[in-house]
Amino acid sequence: EPAGEDGTYFQTFQVRTGSRLTAPGTLAISPDSGDEGNPRELSQGEWRPFGFSGSGSAEAPLVYAGSGIANSGGHQEEIPDVEGRVMVVESGTPEMEEGSL
C-alpha cells in the first residue's frame, strides 16, 4: 500500500545539485614540513568544489585516493587511511578494462 504523499508511492525531497560561489574560492597547497618550497595557490581551473561542498577552511595533510571507490570484485584500489586528512579524489567515472564488469 502506498505510504507516500497524497496516498502515492512518491515523496518529494530536495537535492543540492550545484554551488554558486559568491567570491572566488581559494586553495593553497604547502609542501610537507620536511620539504623545501613555498605554498602554492591553485587557480580556479586547477580545482573545483563539488556541488554539495560547504564553506569553511581546513589545514590538514592531503592524501590521494584515486577514484575513492572500493570495489569488492575485479580491480580494487587501495584506499589509504584518511582520518584527520583531506582526501583528494579524481572526478568522473574510473576507466575500466575491457570485460571487467
Protein backbone atom coordinates (compact mmCIF):
# COMPACT_ATOMS: atom_id res chain seq x y z
CA GLU A 1 0.00 0.00 0.00
CA PRO A 2 1.38 3.45 -0.88
CA ALA A 3 2.87 5.33 2.06
CA GLY A 4 3.91 8.44 0.16
CA GLU A 5 2.36 11.86 -0.17
CA ASP A 6 -1.36 12.03 -1.00
CA GLY A 7 -1.64 8.22 -1.00
CA THR A 8 1.02 7.78 -3.70
CA TYR A 9 4.37 6.00 -3.83
CA PHE A 10 6.13 9.35 -4.28
CA GLN A 11 7.88 11.56 -1.75
CA THR A 12 9.35 14.96 -2.58
CA PHE A 13 12.79 15.87 -1.31
CA GLN A 14 15.45 18.47 -2.01
CA VAL A 15 18.69 17.62 -3.81
CA ARG A 16 21.59 20.05 -3.90
CA THR A 17 22.81 19.96 -7.49
CA GLY A 18 25.20 22.86 -7.69
CA SER A 19 27.04 25.59 -5.89
CA ARG A 20 27.33 29.25 -6.71
CA LEU A 21 30.49 30.89 -5.49
CA THR A 22 29.80 34.31 -4.04
CA ALA A 23 33.52 35.09 -4.03
CA PRO A 24 36.45 33.37 -5.69
CA GLY A 25 37.38 30.26 -3.74
CA THR A 26 40.98 29.65 -2.84
CA LEU A 27 43.01 26.51 -2.38
CA ALA A 28 46.66 26.55 -1.38
CA ILE A 29 48.94 23.54 -1.03
CA SER A 30 52.05 23.62 1.12
CA PRO A 31 54.84 21.06 0.97
CA ASP A 32 55.49 18.76 3.94
CA SER A 33 57.37 20.48 6.74
CA GLY A 34 60.48 18.44 5.84
CA ASP A 35 60.34 19.55 2.19
CA GLU A 36 61.63 22.83 0.90
CA GLY A 37 59.34 25.13 -1.01
CA ASN A 38 56.67 27.74 -0.64
CA PRO A 39 52.91 27.23 -0.52
CA ARG A 40 51.33 27.14 -3.98
CA GLU A 41 47.92 28.67 -4.54
CA LEU A 42 45.93 26.76 -7.15
CA SER A 43 43.98 28.71 -9.77
CA GLN A 44 40.26 28.18 -10.38
CA GLY A 45 40.88 25.88 -13.37
CA GLU A 46 43.05 23.50 -11.33
CA TRP A 47 40.44 22.52 -8.78
CA ARG A 48 36.67 22.52 -8.37
CA PRO A 49 34.49 22.16 -5.27
CA PHE A 50 31.70 19.62 -5.53
CA GLY A 51 28.15 20.94 -5.72
CA PHE A 52 27.46 19.77 -2.19
CA SER A 53 30.58 21.41 -0.76
CA GLY A 54 30.16 23.68 2.21
CA SER A 55 32.09 26.78 3.15
CA GLY A 56 34.97 26.81 5.56
CA SER A 57 38.66 26.38 5.92
CA ALA A 58 40.89 23.49 6.92
CA GLU A 59 44.54 22.81 7.44
CA ALA A 60 45.43 19.13 7.21
CA PRO A 61 47.66 16.76 5.25
CA LEU A 62 46.43 15.71 1.79
CA VAL A 63 46.02 12.06 0.88
CA TYR A 64 45.47 10.93 -2.73
CA ALA A 65 42.75 8.28 -3.00
CA GLY A 66 42.37 7.76 -6.78
CA SER A 67 38.67 7.50 -7.64
CA GLY A 68 37.81 6.84 -3.99
CA ILE A 69 35.92 3.70 -4.99
CA ALA A 70 36.43 0.46 -3.09
CA ASN A 71 35.26 -2.41 -5.30
CA SER A 72 34.58 -5.88 -3.93
CA GLY A 73 35.11 -7.57 -7.31
CA GLY A 74 37.66 -7.07 -10.04
CA HIS A 75 40.07 -4.16 -9.65
CA GLN A 76 40.18 -2.69 -6.16
CA GLU A 77 42.04 0.50 -5.35
CA GLU A 78 43.98 0.67 -2.12
CA ILE A 79 42.21 3.32 -0.03
CA PRO A 80 44.67 4.94 2.39
CA ASP A 81 43.95 5.89 6.00
CA VAL A 82 42.15 9.23 5.72
CA GLU A 83 41.42 10.08 9.35
CA GLY A 84 42.48 13.67 10.04
CA ARG A 85 43.41 14.25 6.39
CA VAL A 86 41.88 15.96 3.36
CA MET A 87 41.05 13.28 0.80
CA VAL A 88 41.84 14.16 -2.83
CA VAL A 89 39.79 12.10 -5.32
CA GLU A 90 39.58 12.10 -9.09
CA SER A 91 36.34 13.33 -10.62
CA GLY A 92 34.33 11.21 -13.04
CA THR A 93 34.00 7.50 -13.67
CA PRO A 94 37.17 5.42 -13.48
CA GLU A 95 38.27 3.78 -16.71
CA MET A 96 37.52 0.07 -16.82
CA GLU A 97 39.45 -2.66 -18.52
CA GLU A 98 37.51 -4.34 -21.30
CA GLY A 99 35.36 -7.15 -19.95
CA SER A 100 35.88 -6.23 -16.30
CA LEU A 101 32.18 -5.86 -15.47
